Amino acid sequence: MKFSVFLDLIISGAFVLAAFLWYLASSDNAKTRREKGDDESITKAEIFKSWIIIILLCILGLGYFFSFIGSLSL
Protein backbone atom coordinates (compact mmCIF):
# COMPACT_ATOMS: atom_id res chain seq x y z
CA MET A 1 0.00 0.00 0.00
CA LYS A 2 1.09 3.51 -0.70
CA PHE A 3 1.73 6.12 1.92
CA SER A 4 -0.84 8.38 0.25
CA VAL A 5 -3.54 5.87 1.22
CA PHE A 6 -2.56 6.10 4.87
CA LEU A 7 -2.26 9.87 4.63
CA ASP A 8 -6.08 10.06 4.67
CA LEU A 9 -6.10 8.10 7.92
CA ILE A 10 -3.45 10.36 9.44
CA ILE A 11 -5.31 13.50 8.38
CA SER A 12 -8.61 12.20 9.75
CA GLY A 13 -6.91 11.44 13.06
CA ALA A 14 -5.44 14.93 13.12
CA PHE A 15 -8.88 16.50 12.59
CA VAL A 16 -10.43 14.43 15.36
CA LEU A 17 -7.52 15.20 17.69
CA ALA A 18 -7.90 18.91 16.90
CA ALA A 19 -11.63 18.70 17.70
CA PHE A 20 -10.90 17.03 21.03
CA LEU A 21 -8.23 19.57 21.95
CA TRP A 22 -10.51 22.44 20.91
CA TYR A 23 -13.23 20.98 23.15
CA LEU A 24 -10.87 20.81 26.12
CA ALA A 25 -9.62 24.36 25.57
CA SER A 26 -13.09 25.83 25.10
CA SER A 27 -14.55 24.08 28.14
CA ASP A 28 -11.65 25.32 30.27
CA ASN A 29 -12.09 28.83 28.87
CA ALA A 30 -15.82 28.80 29.61
CA LYS A 31 -15.19 27.55 33.14
CA THR A 32 -12.63 30.29 33.74
CA ARG A 33 -15.01 32.98 32.45
CA ARG A 34 -17.80 31.74 34.72
CA GLU A 35 -15.49 31.80 37.73
CA LYS A 36 -14.49 35.38 36.92
CA GLY A 37 -18.15 36.36 36.67
CA ASP A 38 -18.12 37.55 33.07
CA ASP A 39 -21.32 38.16 31.14
CA GLU A 40 -23.19 34.88 30.66
CA SER A 41 -24.42 35.75 27.15
CA ILE A 42 -20.86 36.17 25.90
CA THR A 43 -19.92 32.82 27.42
CA LYS A 44 -22.89 31.10 25.78
CA ALA A 45 -22.02 32.65 22.41
CA GLU A 46 -18.44 31.41 22.67
CA ILE A 47 -19.64 27.93 23.62
CA PHE A 48 -21.94 27.91 20.58
CA LYS A 49 -19.11 28.98 18.26
CA SER A 50 -16.85 26.33 19.76
CA TRP A 51 -19.42 23.60 19.14
CA ILE A 52 -19.75 24.70 15.52
CA ILE A 53 -15.98 24.39 15.10
CA ILE A 54 -15.93 20.99 16.86
CA ILE A 55 -18.71 19.64 14.64
CA LEU A 56 -16.96 20.94 11.52
CA LEU A 57 -13.68 19.28 12.53
CA CYS A 58 -15.48 15.98 13.23
CA ILE A 59 -17.19 16.10 9.83
CA LEU A 60 -13.85 16.72 8.12
CA GLY A 61 -12.31 13.87 10.10
CA LEU A 62 -15.10 11.50 9.09
CA GLY A 63 -14.78 12.57 5.47
CA TYR A 64 -11.10 11.75 5.37
CA PHE A 65 -11.71 8.49 7.26
CA PHE A 66 -14.31 7.33 4.74
CA SER A 67 -11.91 8.36 1.98
CA PHE A 68 -9.35 6.05 3.60
CA ILE A 69 -11.89 3.21 3.83
CA GLY A 70 -12.91 3.75 0.19
CA SER A 71 -9.30 3.58 -1.00
CA LEU A 72 -8.78 0.28 0.84
CA SER A 73 -11.58 -1.47 -1.03
CA LEU A 74 -10.02 -0.69 -4.42
PDB file of N, CA and C in Angstrom:
ATOM      1  N   MET A   1       0.824  -1.175   0.000  1.00  0.00           N
ATOM      2  CA  MET A   1       0.000   0.000   0.000  1.00  0.00           C
ATOM      3  C   MET A   1       0.871   1.244   0.000  1.00  0.00           C
ATOM      4  N   LYS A   2       0.345   2.260  -0.615  1.00  0.00           N
ATOM      5  CA  LYS A   2       1.086   3.509  -0.700  1.00  0.00           C
ATOM      6  C   LYS A   2       0.877   4.336   0.560  1.00  0.00           C
ATOM      7  N   PHE A   3       1.835   5.224   0.783  1.00  0.00           N
ATOM      8  CA  PHE A   3       1.732   6.124   1.919  1.00  0.00           C
ATOM      9  C   PHE A   3       0.569   7.095   1.740  1.00  0.00           C
ATOM     10  N   SER A   4       0.258   7.433   0.507  1.00  0.00           N
ATOM     11  CA  SER A   4      -0.837   8.381   0.252  1.00  0.00           C
ATOM     12  C   SER A   4      -2.179   7.821   0.708  1.00  0.00           C
ATOM     13  N   VAL A   5      -2.308   6.483   0.725  1.00  0.00           N
ATOM     14  CA  VAL A   5      -3.543   5.870   1.219  1.00  0.00           C
ATOM     15  C   VAL A   5      -3.652   6.095   2.727  1.00  0.00           C
ATOM     16  N   PHE A   6      -2.551   5.918   3.428  1.00  0.00           N
ATOM     17  CA  PHE A   6      -2.564   6.103   4.873  1.00  0.00           C
ATOM     18  C   PHE A   6      -2.555   7.571   5.272  1.00  0.00           C
ATOM     19  N   LEU A   7      -2.240   8.440   4.341  1.00  0.00           N
ATOM     20  CA  LEU A   7      -2.264   9.867   4.628  1.00  0.00           C
ATOM     21  C   LEU A   7      -3.679  10.324   4.969  1.00  0.00           C
ATOM     22  N   ASP A   8      -4.689   9.747   4.329  1.00  0.00           N
ATOM     23  CA  ASP A   8      -6.076  10.061   4.667  1.00  0.00           C
ATOM     24  C   ASP A   8      -6.395   9.673   6.109  1.00  0.00           C
ATOM     25  N   LEU A   9      -5.883   8.531   6.543  1.00  0.00           N
ATOM     26  CA  LEU A   9      -6.101   8.096   7.921  1.00  0.00           C
ATOM     27  C   LEU A   9      -5.400   9.036   8.899  1.00  0.00           C
ATOM     28  N   ILE A  10      -4.195   9.446   8.575  1.00  0.00           N
ATOM     29  CA  ILE A  10      -3.448  10.356   9.440  1.00  0.00           C
ATOM     30  C   ILE A  10      -4.140  11.709   9.521  1.00  0.00           C
ATOM     31  N   ILE A  11      -4.624  12.207   8.400  1.00  0.00           N
ATOM     32  CA  ILE A  11      -5.309  13.500   8.383  1.00  0.00           C
ATOM     33  C   ILE A  11      -6.620  13.424   9.159  1.00  0.00           C
ATOM     34  N   SER A  12      -7.354  12.328   9.009  1.00  0.00           N
ATOM     35  CA  SER A  12      -8.614  12.201   9.753  1.00  0.00           C
ATOM     36  C   SER A  12      -8.339  12.145  11.251  1.00  0.00           C
ATOM     37  N   GLY A  13      -7.286  11.462  11.646  1.00  0.00           N
ATOM     38  CA  GLY A  13      -6.909  11.436  13.062  1.00  0.00           C
ATOM     39  C   GLY A  13      -6.512  12.807  13.565  1.00  0.00           C
ATOM     40  N   ALA A  14      -5.845  13.576  12.722  1.00  0.00           N
ATOM     41  CA  ALA A  14      -5.444  14.927  13.116  1.00  0.00           C
ATOM     42  C   ALA A  14      -6.667  15.828  13.308  1.00  0.00           C
ATOM     43  N   PHE A  15      -7.664  15.701  12.432  1.00  0.00           N
ATOM     44  CA  PHE A  15      -8.878  16.504  12.585  1.00  0.00           C
ATOM     45  C   PHE A  15      -9.631  16.131  13.860  1.00  0.00           C
ATOM     46  N   VAL A  16      -9.725  14.857  14.152  1.00  0.00           N
ATOM     47  CA  VAL A  16     -10.434  14.426  15.356  1.00  0.00           C
ATOM     48  C   VAL A  16      -9.659  14.847  16.605  1.00  0.00           C
ATOM     49  N   LEU A  17      -8.339  14.747  16.566  1.00  0.00           N
ATOM     50  CA  LEU A  17      -7.523  15.205  17.688  1.00  0.00           C
ATOM     51  C   LEU A  17      -7.673  16.708  17.883  1.00  0.00           C
ATOM     52  N   ALA A  18      -7.710  17.458  16.801  1.00  0.00           N
ATOM     53  CA  ALA A  18      -7.901  18.909  16.896  1.00  0.00           C
ATOM     54  C   ALA A  18      -9.265  19.228  17.494  1.00  0.00           C
ATOM     55  N   ALA A  19     -10.295  18.479  17.124  1.00  0.00           N
ATOM     56  CA  ALA A  19     -11.633  18.695  17.695  1.00  0.00           C
ATOM     57  C   ALA A  19     -11.630  18.419  19.194  1.00  0.00           C
ATOM     58  N   PHE A  20     -10.957  17.367  19.612  1.00  0.00           N
ATOM     59  CA  PHE A  20     -10.896  17.031  21.030  1.00  0.00           C
ATOM     60  C   PHE A  20     -10.140  18.095  21.809  1.00  0.00           C
ATOM     61  N   LEU A  21      -9.007  18.534  21.268  1.00  0.00           N
ATOM     62  CA  LEU A  21      -8.228  19.567  21.954  1.00  0.00           C
ATOM     63  C   LEU A  21      -8.976  20.892  21.997  1.00  0.00           C
ATOM     64  N   TRP A  22      -9.709  21.212  20.922  1.00  0.00           N
ATOM     65  CA  TRP A  22     -10.508  22.439  20.910  1.00  0.00           C
ATOM     66  C   TRP A  22     -11.601  22.363  21.975  1.00  0.00           C
ATOM     67  N   TYR A  23     -12.206  21.174  22.125  1.00  0.00           N
ATOM     68  CA  TYR A  23     -13.232  20.976  23.150  1.00  0.00           C
ATOM     69  C   TYR A  23     -12.648  21.203  24.544  1.00  0.00           C
ATOM     70  N   LEU A  24     -11.481  20.631  24.803  1.00  0.00           N
ATOM     71  CA  LEU A  24     -10.865  20.808  26.116  1.00  0.00           C
ATOM     72  C   LEU A  24     -10.538  22.267  26.391  1.00  0.00           C
ATOM     73  N   ALA A  25      -9.991  22.955  25.392  1.00  0.00           N
ATOM     74  CA  ALA A  25      -9.618  24.357  25.571  1.00  0.00           C
ATOM     75  C   ALA A  25     -10.850  25.233  25.760  1.00  0.00           C
ATOM     76  N   SER A  26     -11.894  24.986  24.987  1.00  0.00           N
ATOM     77  CA  SER A  26     -13.090  25.832  25.097  1.00  0.00           C
ATOM     78  C   SER A  26     -13.831  25.582  26.405  1.00  0.00           C
ATOM     79  N   SER A  27     -13.864  24.351  26.869  1.00  0.00           N
ATOM     80  CA  SER A  27     -14.546  24.085  28.140  1.00  0.00           C
ATOM     81  C   SER A  27     -13.779  24.703  29.303  1.00  0.00           C
ATOM     82  N   ASP A  28     -12.453  24.675  29.232  1.00  0.00           N
ATOM     83  CA  ASP A  28     -11.650  25.317  30.270  1.00  0.00           C
ATOM     84  C   ASP A  28     -11.825  26.832  30.233  1.00  0.00           C
ATOM     85  N   ASN A  29     -11.892  27.397  29.019  1.00  0.00           N
ATOM     86  CA  ASN A  29     -12.087  28.834  28.869  1.00  0.00           C
ATOM     87  C   ASN A  29     -13.448  29.256  29.410  1.00  0.00           C
ATOM     88  N   ALA A  30     -14.481  28.481  29.122  1.00  0.00           N
ATOM     89  CA  ALA A  30     -15.820  28.805  29.614  1.00  0.00           C
ATOM     90  C   ALA A  30     -15.874  28.705  31.138  1.00  0.00           C
ATOM     91  N   LYS A  31     -15.214  27.711  31.682  1.00  0.00           N
ATOM     92  CA  LYS A  31     -15.191  27.545  33.140  1.00  0.00           C
ATOM     93  C   LYS A  31     -14.477  28.719  33.794  1.00  0.00           C
ATOM     94  N   THR A  32     -13.379  29.159  33.203  1.00  0.00           N
ATOM     95  CA  THR A  32     -12.630  30.291  33.740  1.00  0.00           C
ATOM     96  C   THR A  32     -13.457  31.568  33.683  1.00  0.00           C
ATOM     97  N   ARG A  33     -14.174  31.770  32.577  1.00  0.00           N
ATOM     98  CA  ARG A  33     -15.012  32.979  32.453  1.00  0.00           C
ATOM     99  C   ARG A  33     -16.150  32.968  33.482  1.00  0.00           C
ATOM    100  N   ARG A  34     -16.721  31.814  33.729  1.00  0.00           N
ATOM    101  CA  ARG A  34     -17.803  31.737  34.716  1.00  0.00           C
ATOM    102  C   ARG A  34     -17.276  32.024  36.119  1.00  0.00           C
ATOM    103  N   GLU A  35     -16.072  31.541  36.415  1.00  0.00           N
ATOM    104  CA  GLU A  35     -15.492  31.796  37.731  1.00  0.00           C
ATOM    105  C   GLU A  35     -15.171  33.275  37.919  1.00  0.00           C
ATOM    106  N   LYS A  36     -14.784  33.950  36.837  1.00  0.00           N
ATOM    107  CA  LYS A  36     -14.489  35.378  36.916  1.00  0.00           C
ATOM    108  C   LYS A  36     -15.758  36.207  37.016  1.00  0.00           C
ATOM    109  N   GLY A  37     -16.884  35.649  36.607  1.00  0.00           N
ATOM    110  CA  GLY A  37     -18.150  36.356  36.666  1.00  0.00           C
ATOM    111  C   GLY A  37     -18.419  37.198  35.435  1.00  0.00           C
ATOM    112  N   ASP A  38     -17.868  36.820  34.306  1.00  0.00           N
ATOM    113  CA  ASP A  38     -18.121  37.549  33.066  1.00  0.00           C
ATOM    114  C   ASP A  38     -19.573  37.387  32.630  1.00  0.00           C
ATOM    115  N   ASP A  39     -19.955  38.181  31.649  1.00  0.00           N
ATOM    116  CA  ASP A  39     -21.324  38.161  31.138  1.00  0.00           C
ATOM    117  C   ASP A  39     -21.664  36.771  30.595  1.00  0.00           C
ATOM    118  N   GLU A  40     -22.783  36.239  31.034  1.00  0.00           N
ATOM    119  CA  GLU A  40     -23.191  34.880  30.660  1.00  0.00           C
ATOM    120  C   GLU A  40     -23.528  34.764  29.179  1.00  0.00           C
ATOM    121  N   SER A  41     -24.067  35.825  28.575  1.00  0.00           N
ATOM    122  CA  SER A  41     -24.425  35.755  27.154  1.00  0.00           C
ATOM    123  C   SER A  41     -23.184  35.634  26.275  1.00  0.00           C
ATOM    124  N   ILE A  42     -22.106  36.294  26.666  1.00  0.00           N
ATOM    125  CA  ILE A  42     -20.857  36.166  25.902  1.00  0.00           C
ATOM    126  C   ILE A  42     -20.319  34.744  26.018  1.00  0.00           C
ATOM    127  N   THR A  43     -20.389  34.196  27.208  1.00  0.00           N
ATOM    128  CA  THR A  43     -19.915  32.824  27.421  1.00  0.00           C
ATOM    129  C   THR A  43     -20.733  31.836  26.597  1.00  0.00           C
ATOM    130  N   LYS A  44     -22.044  32.010  26.555  1.00  0.00           N
ATOM    131  CA  LYS A  44     -22.892  31.102  25.779  1.00  0.00           C
ATOM    132  C   LYS A  44     -22.613  31.241  24.284  1.00  0.00           C
ATOM    133  N   ALA A  45     -22.343  32.447  23.817  1.00  0.00           N
ATOM    134  CA  ALA A  45     -22.020  32.651  22.405  1.00  0.00           C
ATOM    135  C   ALA A  45     -20.701  31.976  22.048  1.00  0.00           C
ATOM    136  N   GLU A  46     -19.723  32.074  22.926  1.00  0.00           N
ATOM    137  CA  GLU A  46     -18.442  31.407  22.673  1.00  0.00           C
ATOM    138  C   GLU A  46     -18.584  29.890  22.687  1.00  0.00           C
ATOM    139  N   ILE A  47     -19.411  29.378  23.575  1.00  0.00           N
ATOM    140  CA  ILE A  47     -19.640  27.932  23.618  1.00  0.00           C
ATOM    141  C   ILE A  47     -20.304  27.469  22.325  1.00  0.00           C
ATOM    142  N   PHE A  48     -21.270  28.246  21.827  1.00  0.00           N
ATOM    143  CA  PHE A  48     -21.944  27.907  20.584  1.00  0.00           C
ATOM    144  C   PHE A  48     -20.963  27.905  19.413  1.00  0.00           C
ATOM    145  N   LYS A  49     -20.111  28.916  19.327  1.00  0.00           N
ATOM    146  CA  LYS A  49     -19.110  28.980  18.259  1.00  0.00           C
ATOM    147  C   LYS A  49     -18.132  27.808  18.366  1.00  0.00           C
ATOM    148  N   SER A  50     -17.768  27.456  19.577  1.00  0.00           N
ATOM    149  CA  SER A  50     -16.846  26.332  19.763  1.00  0.00           C
ATOM    150  C   SER A  50     -17.472  25.026  19.302  1.00  0.00           C
ATOM    151  N   TRP A  51     -18.756  24.825  19.579  1.00  0.00           N
ATOM    152  CA  TRP A  51     -19.422  23.600  19.142  1.00  0.00           C
ATOM    153  C   TRP A  51     -19.528  23.530  17.629  1.00  0.00           C
ATOM    154  N   ILE A  52     -19.725  24.673  16.987  1.00  0.00           N
ATOM    155  CA  ILE A  52     -19.751  24.697  15.520  1.00  0.00           C
ATOM    156  C   ILE A  52     -18.400  24.255  14.966  1.00  0.00           C
ATOM    157  N   ILE A  53     -17.322  24.758  15.557  1.00  0.00           N
ATOM    158  CA  ILE A  53     -15.975  24.386  15.104  1.00  0.00           C
ATOM    159  C   ILE A  53     -15.716  22.910  15.363  1.00  0.00           C
ATOM    160  N   ILE A  54     -16.131  22.411  16.520  1.00  0.00           N
ATOM    161  CA  ILE A  54     -15.927  20.995  16.857  1.00  0.00           C
ATOM    162  C   ILE A  54     -16.682  20.096  15.885  1.00  0.00           C
ATOM    163  N   ILE A  55     -17.924  20.444  15.584  1.00  0.00           N
ATOM    164  CA  ILE A  55     -18.713  19.642  14.643  1.00  0.00           C
ATOM    165  C   ILE A  55     -18.094  19.665  13.252  1.00  0.00           C
ATOM    166  N   LEU A  56     -17.620  20.836  12.822  1.00  0.00           N
ATOM    167  CA  LEU A  56     -16.963  20.940  11.522  1.00  0.00           C
ATOM    168  C   LEU A  56     -15.702  20.075  11.458  1.00  0.00           C
ATOM    169  N   LEU A  57     -14.890  20.103  12.507  1.00  0.00           N
ATOM    170  CA  LEU A  57     -13.680  19.279  12.534  1.00  0.00           C
ATOM    171  C   LEU A  57     -14.017  17.786  12.526  1.00  0.00           C
ATOM    172  N   CYS A  58     -15.073  17.393  13.226  1.00  0.00           N
ATOM    173  CA  CYS A  58     -15.480  15.984  13.228  1.00  0.00           C
ATOM    174  C   CYS A  58     -15.980  15.553  11.853  1.00  0.00           C
ATOM    175  N   ILE A  59     -16.716  16.421  11.183  1.00  0.00           N
ATOM    176  CA  ILE A  59     -17.192  16.097   9.832  1.00  0.00           C
ATOM    177  C   ILE A  59     -16.019  15.935   8.877  1.00  0.00           C
ATOM    178  N   LEU A  60     -15.040  16.839   8.969  1.00  0.00           N
ATOM    179  CA  LEU A  60     -13.855  16.717   8.121  1.00  0.00           C
ATOM    180  C   LEU A  60     -13.081  15.438   8.434  1.00  0.00           C
ATOM    181  N   GLY A  61     -12.980  15.105   9.717  1.00  0.00           N
ATOM    182  CA  GLY A  61     -12.308  13.869  10.105  1.00  0.00           C
ATOM    183  C   GLY A  61     -13.016  12.637   9.563  1.00  0.00           C
ATOM    184  N   LEU A  62     -14.338  12.631   9.635  1.00  0.00           N
ATOM    185  CA  LEU A  62     -15.104  11.503   9.094  1.00  0.00           C
ATOM    186  C   LEU A  62     -14.975  11.415   7.574  1.00  0.00           C
ATOM    187  N   GLY A  63     -14.947  12.564   6.928  1.00  0.00           N
ATOM    188  CA  GLY A  63     -14.782  12.569   5.474  1.00  0.00           C
ATOM    189  C   GLY A  63     -13.471  11.947   5.043  1.00  0.00           C
ATOM    190  N   TYR A  64     -12.388  12.334   5.705  1.00  0.00           N
ATOM    191  CA  TYR A  64     -11.097  11.746   5.373  1.00  0.00           C
ATOM    192  C   TYR A  64     -11.033  10.274   5.762  1.00  0.00           C
ATOM    193  N   PHE A  65     -11.709   9.890   6.857  1.00  0.00           N
ATOM    194  CA  PHE A  65     -11.709   8.493   7.261  1.00  0.00           C
ATOM    195  C   PHE A  65     -12.435   7.633   6.235  1.00  0.00           C
ATOM    196  N   PHE A  66     -13.590   8.114   5.746  1.00  0.00           N
ATOM    197  CA  PHE A  66     -14.308   7.334   4.738  1.00  0.00           C
ATOM    198  C   PHE A  66     -13.553   7.332   3.416  1.00  0.00           C
ATOM    199  N   SER A  67     -12.773   8.373   3.150  1.00  0.00           N
ATOM    200  CA  SER A  67     -11.910   8.358   1.980  1.00  0.00           C
ATOM    201  C   SER A  67     -10.845   7.274   2.115  1.00  0.00           C
ATOM    202  N   PHE A  68     -10.324   7.116   3.319  1.00  0.00           N
ATOM    203  CA  PHE A  68      -9.353   6.050   3.599  1.00  0.00           C
ATOM    204  C   PHE A  68      -9.985   4.676   3.410  1.00  0.00           C
ATOM    205  N   ILE A  69     -11.192   4.489   3.959  1.00  0.00           N
ATOM    206  CA  ILE A  69     -11.889   3.214   3.834  1.00  0.00           C
ATOM    207  C   ILE A  69     -12.184   2.920   2.369  1.00  0.00           C
ATOM    208  N   GLY A  70     -12.604   3.941   1.626  1.00  0.00           N
ATOM    209  CA  GLY A  70     -12.907   3.753   0.194  1.00  0.00           C
ATOM    210  C   GLY A  70     -11.682   3.383  -0.603  1.00  0.00           C
ATOM    211  N   SER A  71     -10.509   3.908  -0.253  1.00  0.00           N
ATOM    212  CA  SER A  71      -9.304   3.581  -0.999  1.00  0.00           C
ATOM    213  C   SER A  71      -8.790   2.188  -0.652  1.00  0.00           C
ATOM    214  N   LEU A  72      -9.184   1.635   0.481  1.00  0.00           N
ATOM    215  CA  LEU A  72      -8.784   0.279   0.841  1.00  0.00           C
ATOM    216  C   LEU A  72      -9.529  -0.764   0.008  1.00  0.00           C
ATOM    217  N   SER A  73     -10.767  -0.484  -0.328  1.00  0.00           N
ATOM    218  CA  SER A  73     -11.580  -1.472  -1.034  1.00  0.00           C
ATOM    219  C   SER A  73     -11.186  -1.595  -2.506  1.00  0.00           C
ATOM    220  N   LEU A  74     -10.437  -0.621  -3.011  1.00  0.00           N
ATOM    221  CA  LEU A  74     -10.020  -0.686  -4.423  1.00  0.00           C
ATOM    222  C   LEU A  74      -8.898  -1.613  -4.532  1.00  0.00           C
TER     223      LEU A  74
END
